[in-house]
N, C-alpha and C. Protein backbone atom coordinates (compact mmCIF):
# COMPACT_ATOMS: atom_id res chain seq x y z
N UNK A 1 77.83 69.40 99.08
CA UNK A 1 76.96 68.24 99.16
C UNK A 1 76.24 68.26 100.52
N UNK A 2 74.94 68.09 100.51
CA UNK A 2 74.19 68.17 101.77
C UNK A 2 74.51 67.05 102.76
N UNK A 3 75.06 65.96 102.31
CA UNK A 3 75.28 64.84 103.24
C UNK A 3 76.70 64.78 103.78
N UNK A 4 77.54 65.74 103.46
CA UNK A 4 78.90 65.74 104.00
C UNK A 4 78.94 66.23 105.44
N UNK A 5 77.91 66.89 105.86
CA UNK A 5 77.85 67.43 107.21
C UNK A 5 76.51 67.03 107.82
N UNK A 6 76.53 66.50 109.03
CA UNK A 6 75.31 66.01 109.66
C UNK A 6 74.30 67.13 109.88
N UNK A 7 74.76 68.29 110.32
CA UNK A 7 73.84 69.41 110.57
C UNK A 7 73.14 69.84 109.29
N UNK A 8 73.86 69.88 108.19
CA UNK A 8 73.25 70.27 106.92
C UNK A 8 72.27 69.20 106.44
N UNK A 9 72.60 67.93 106.63
CA UNK A 9 71.70 66.85 106.23
C UNK A 9 70.40 66.89 107.03
N UNK A 10 70.50 67.12 108.34
CA UNK A 10 69.30 67.19 109.18
C UNK A 10 68.45 68.39 108.77
N UNK A 11 69.09 69.51 108.47
CA UNK A 11 68.35 70.69 108.03
C UNK A 11 67.66 70.43 106.70
N UNK A 12 68.34 69.79 105.78
CA UNK A 12 67.73 69.46 104.49
C UNK A 12 66.49 68.61 104.67
N UNK A 13 66.56 67.58 105.49
CA UNK A 13 65.41 66.71 105.69
C UNK A 13 64.31 67.40 106.48
N UNK A 14 64.66 68.34 107.37
CA UNK A 14 63.65 69.13 108.07
C UNK A 14 62.88 69.99 107.09
N UNK A 15 63.59 70.66 106.19
CA UNK A 15 62.92 71.46 105.17
C UNK A 15 62.06 70.60 104.25
N UNK A 16 62.57 69.44 103.87
CA UNK A 16 61.79 68.56 103.00
C UNK A 16 60.51 68.11 103.70
N UNK A 17 60.60 67.78 104.99
CA UNK A 17 59.41 67.37 105.73
C UNK A 17 58.43 68.52 105.84
N UNK A 18 58.90 69.73 106.19
CA UNK A 18 58.00 70.87 106.29
C UNK A 18 57.34 71.17 104.96
N UNK A 19 58.09 71.08 103.88
CA UNK A 19 57.51 71.31 102.56
C UNK A 19 56.41 70.30 102.28
N UNK A 20 56.69 69.04 102.56
CA UNK A 20 55.69 67.99 102.34
C UNK A 20 54.47 68.22 103.22
N UNK A 21 54.69 68.68 104.44
CA UNK A 21 53.59 68.89 105.37
C UNK A 21 52.74 70.11 104.99
N UNK A 22 53.37 71.18 104.52
CA UNK A 22 52.67 72.42 104.26
C UNK A 22 52.05 72.52 102.87
N UNK A 23 52.60 71.79 101.91
CA UNK A 23 52.06 71.86 100.56
C UNK A 23 50.88 70.90 100.46
N UNK A 24 49.80 71.41 99.99
CA UNK A 24 48.60 70.59 99.90
C UNK A 24 48.44 70.08 98.48
N UNK A 25 47.98 68.86 98.37
CA UNK A 25 47.70 68.29 97.06
C UNK A 25 46.32 68.74 96.63
N UNK A 26 46.19 69.37 95.45
CA UNK A 26 44.87 69.82 95.03
C UNK A 26 43.94 68.63 94.77
N UNK A 27 42.70 68.81 95.12
CA UNK A 27 41.70 67.80 94.83
C UNK A 27 41.54 66.73 95.88
N UNK A 28 42.13 66.88 97.06
CA UNK A 28 41.93 65.90 98.11
C UNK A 28 40.52 66.07 98.67
N UNK A 29 39.87 64.96 98.96
CA UNK A 29 38.51 65.00 99.46
C UNK A 29 38.48 65.63 100.85
N UNK A 30 37.52 66.54 101.06
CA UNK A 30 37.34 67.15 102.37
C UNK A 30 38.27 68.30 102.65
N UNK A 31 39.03 68.76 101.68
CA UNK A 31 39.95 69.88 101.91
C UNK A 31 39.21 71.20 101.85
N UNK A 32 39.64 72.15 102.67
CA UNK A 32 39.13 73.51 102.59
C UNK A 32 39.75 74.17 101.37
N UNK A 33 39.07 75.12 100.76
CA UNK A 33 39.68 75.80 99.61
C UNK A 33 40.89 76.65 99.99
N UNK A 34 40.91 77.19 101.21
CA UNK A 34 42.03 78.02 101.63
C UNK A 34 42.70 77.38 102.85
N UNK A 35 44.03 77.19 102.78
CA UNK A 35 44.71 76.62 103.95
C UNK A 35 44.77 77.63 105.09
N UNK A 36 44.88 77.14 106.30
CA UNK A 36 44.98 78.02 107.46
C UNK A 36 46.33 78.72 107.46
N UNK A 37 46.39 79.99 107.88
CA UNK A 37 47.68 80.68 107.93
C UNK A 37 48.57 80.08 109.02
N UNK A 38 49.87 80.22 108.80
CA UNK A 38 50.82 79.72 109.79
C UNK A 38 50.83 80.62 111.01
N UNK A 39 50.93 80.01 112.18
CA UNK A 39 50.95 80.77 113.42
C UNK A 39 52.34 81.31 113.73
N UNK A 40 52.41 82.13 114.76
CA UNK A 40 53.66 82.75 115.17
C UNK A 40 54.68 81.71 115.60
N UNK A 41 54.26 80.69 116.34
CA UNK A 41 55.18 79.65 116.79
C UNK A 41 55.80 78.91 115.61
N UNK A 42 55.01 78.66 114.57
CA UNK A 42 55.54 77.98 113.38
C UNK A 42 56.57 78.84 112.69
N UNK A 43 56.30 80.14 112.54
CA UNK A 43 57.26 81.03 111.90
C UNK A 43 58.54 81.15 112.71
N UNK A 44 58.41 81.20 114.03
CA UNK A 44 59.61 81.26 114.87
C UNK A 44 60.44 79.99 114.69
N UNK A 45 59.78 78.83 114.67
CA UNK A 45 60.50 77.57 114.47
C UNK A 45 61.18 77.54 113.11
N UNK A 46 60.51 78.02 112.09
CA UNK A 46 61.09 78.04 110.75
C UNK A 46 62.35 78.92 110.73
N UNK A 47 62.27 80.11 111.31
CA UNK A 47 63.41 81.01 111.29
C UNK A 47 64.55 80.55 112.18
N UNK A 48 64.23 79.83 113.26
CA UNK A 48 65.30 79.25 114.09
C UNK A 48 66.07 78.21 113.29
N UNK A 49 65.35 77.36 112.56
CA UNK A 49 66.02 76.35 111.74
C UNK A 49 66.83 77.01 110.63
N UNK A 50 66.30 78.04 110.01
CA UNK A 50 67.04 78.75 108.96
C UNK A 50 68.32 79.37 109.52
N UNK A 51 68.23 80.01 110.68
CA UNK A 51 69.41 80.62 111.29
C UNK A 51 70.44 79.56 111.68
N UNK A 52 69.98 78.46 112.26
CA UNK A 52 70.91 77.40 112.64
C UNK A 52 71.55 76.77 111.41
N UNK A 53 70.79 76.61 110.35
CA UNK A 53 71.34 76.06 109.11
C UNK A 53 72.40 76.98 108.52
N UNK A 54 72.10 78.27 108.47
CA UNK A 54 73.07 79.22 107.93
C UNK A 54 74.33 79.27 108.79
N UNK A 55 74.15 79.27 110.09
CA UNK A 55 75.31 79.28 110.98
C UNK A 55 76.13 78.01 110.88
N UNK A 56 75.46 76.86 110.84
CA UNK A 56 76.17 75.59 110.70
C UNK A 56 76.89 75.46 109.38
N UNK A 57 76.27 75.94 108.32
CA UNK A 57 76.90 75.89 107.01
C UNK A 57 78.12 76.81 106.97
N UNK A 58 77.99 78.01 107.54
CA UNK A 58 79.13 78.93 107.56
C UNK A 58 80.28 78.35 108.39
N UNK A 59 79.95 77.74 109.52
CA UNK A 59 80.99 77.14 110.36
C UNK A 59 81.68 75.98 109.63
N UNK A 60 80.89 75.12 108.99
CA UNK A 60 81.48 73.99 108.27
C UNK A 60 82.33 74.46 107.09
N UNK A 61 81.88 75.52 106.43
CA UNK A 61 82.63 76.04 105.28
C UNK A 61 83.97 76.63 105.70
N UNK A 62 84.03 77.20 106.89
CA UNK A 62 85.28 77.81 107.36
C UNK A 62 86.16 76.85 108.14
N UNK A 63 85.63 75.67 108.48
CA UNK A 63 86.39 74.76 109.33
C UNK A 63 86.64 73.43 108.60
N UNK A 64 85.79 72.47 108.75
CA UNK A 64 86.06 71.11 108.30
C UNK A 64 85.92 70.85 106.82
N UNK A 65 85.17 71.66 106.11
CA UNK A 65 84.98 71.42 104.68
C UNK A 65 85.88 72.25 103.78
N UNK A 66 86.79 73.02 104.37
CA UNK A 66 87.75 73.75 103.54
C UNK A 66 88.68 72.74 102.87
N UNK A 67 89.09 73.03 101.66
CA UNK A 67 89.95 72.11 100.92
C UNK A 67 91.25 71.82 101.65
N UNK A 68 91.98 72.80 102.19
CA UNK A 68 93.21 72.46 102.92
C UNK A 68 92.94 71.58 104.14
N UNK A 69 91.87 71.86 104.85
CA UNK A 69 91.56 71.05 106.03
C UNK A 69 91.18 69.63 105.64
N UNK A 70 90.43 69.48 104.56
CA UNK A 70 90.09 68.13 104.10
C UNK A 70 91.31 67.37 103.66
N UNK A 71 92.30 68.05 103.06
CA UNK A 71 93.53 67.39 102.66
C UNK A 71 94.31 66.92 103.87
N UNK A 72 94.37 67.74 104.91
CA UNK A 72 95.07 67.34 106.14
C UNK A 72 94.36 66.14 106.78
N UNK A 73 93.05 66.16 106.82
CA UNK A 73 92.28 65.08 107.41
C UNK A 73 92.49 63.77 106.66
N UNK A 74 92.61 63.85 105.34
CA UNK A 74 92.80 62.65 104.52
C UNK A 74 94.27 62.27 104.39
N UNK A 75 95.16 63.00 105.06
CA UNK A 75 96.60 62.75 105.04
C UNK A 75 97.20 62.90 103.65
N UNK A 76 96.72 63.88 102.91
CA UNK A 76 97.31 64.19 101.62
C UNK A 76 98.45 65.19 101.82
N UNK A 77 99.45 65.14 101.00
CA UNK A 77 100.56 66.11 101.15
C UNK A 77 100.14 67.52 100.74
């Protein structure tokens, strides 16, 4: 679940915002027929977020979200 971990939730909403920002609605008045290509800084930012998301997800999967660890946290036998 994306909302069980804060880092994953923030990454999900970052991707959702970027998708909303980069996807153009066809037929908007004054739009160019071809969108401008993404610059190097944008691609670097995208890949930094992807790497941080993958690392955070791997860390959460091996640490706090493992079933035995969740049972200990919830005081289950």
